[in-house]
C-alpha cells in the first residue's frame, strides 16, 4: 500500500511539474507573439495568471 501511495505522489508531482513547465513555455510564447503583434495583452495576462495559479501553494 505504501508503494502505491508513493507512486501516486510521484505521478502527481511529475504532472504538476509538467503543467508548470507548459505554463512557463506558454507565457514566453505569448510574450513573443505580443512583441510581434500577433497576440493580445489579454493573452499574456491570462498566461501570467495561469502560471501564478500553478505556482501558488496548494490548500
Protein backbone atom coordinates (compact mmCIF):
# COMPACT_ATOMS: atom_id res chain seq x y z
CA UNK A 1 0.00 0.00 0.00
CA UNK A 2 2.87 2.36 0.81
CA UNK A 3 4.37 1.76 -2.63
CA UNK A 4 1.08 2.67 -4.25
CA UNK A 5 0.87 5.88 -2.24
CA UNK A 6 4.43 6.77 -3.20
CA UNK A 7 3.70 6.05 -6.86
CA UNK A 8 0.63 8.28 -6.76
CA UNK A 9 2.59 11.08 -5.09
CA UNK A 10 5.41 10.78 -7.63
CA UNK A 11 2.97 10.81 -10.54
CA UNK A 12 1.18 13.83 -9.09
CA UNK A 13 4.43 15.72 -8.62
CA UNK A 14 5.50 14.86 -12.17
CA UNK A 15 2.16 16.06 -13.59
CA UNK A 16 2.32 19.30 -11.60
CA UNK A 17 5.87 19.95 -12.82
CA UNK A 18 4.79 19.28 -16.42
CA UNK A 19 1.87 21.70 -16.05
CA UNK A 20 4.18 24.35 -14.61
CA UNK A 21 6.71 23.86 -17.41
CA UNK A 22 3.93 24.14 -20.00
CA UNK A 23 2.56 27.31 -18.40
CA UNK A 24 6.03 28.89 -18.38
CA UNK A 25 6.54 27.99 -22.04
CA UNK A 26 3.11 29.34 -22.92
CA UNK A 27 3.84 32.64 -21.18
CA UNK A 28 7.11 33.03 -23.09
CA UNK A 29 5.31 32.19 -26.34
CA UNK A 30 2.52 34.70 -25.67
CA UNK A 31 5.07 37.40 -24.82
CA UNK A 32 6.91 36.76 -28.10
CA UNK A 33 3.66 36.81 -30.05
CA UNK A 34 2.67 40.08 -28.39
CA UNK A 35 6.03 41.60 -29.34
CA UNK A 36 5.41 40.50 -32.93
CA UNK A 37 1.90 41.92 -32.89
CA UNK A 38 0.24 38.51 -33.19
CA UNK A 39 -1.25 38.32 -29.70
CA UNK A 40 -3.24 40.49 -27.35
CA UNK A 41 -2.16 41.77 -23.96
CA UNK A 42 -5.09 39.80 -22.51
CA UNK A 43 -3.49 36.58 -23.80
CA UNK A 44 -0.29 37.43 -21.95
CA UNK A 45 -2.26 38.35 -18.82
CA UNK A 46 -4.16 35.06 -18.95
CA UNK A 47 -0.89 33.14 -19.31
CA UNK A 48 0.58 35.05 -16.35
CA UNK A 49 -2.49 34.30 -14.23
CA UNK A 50 -2.35 30.60 -15.08
CA UNK A 51 1.34 30.45 -14.16
CA UNK A 52 0.71 32.29 -10.88
CA UNK A 53 -2.14 29.90 -10.09
CA UNK A 54 0.09 26.89 -10.64
CA UNK A 55 2.90 28.39 -8.56
CA UNK A 56 0.65 29.23 -5.61
CA UNK A 57 0.74 26.82 -2.65
CA UNK A 58 -1.95 24.17 -2.64
CA UNK A 59 -4.53 24.40 0.17
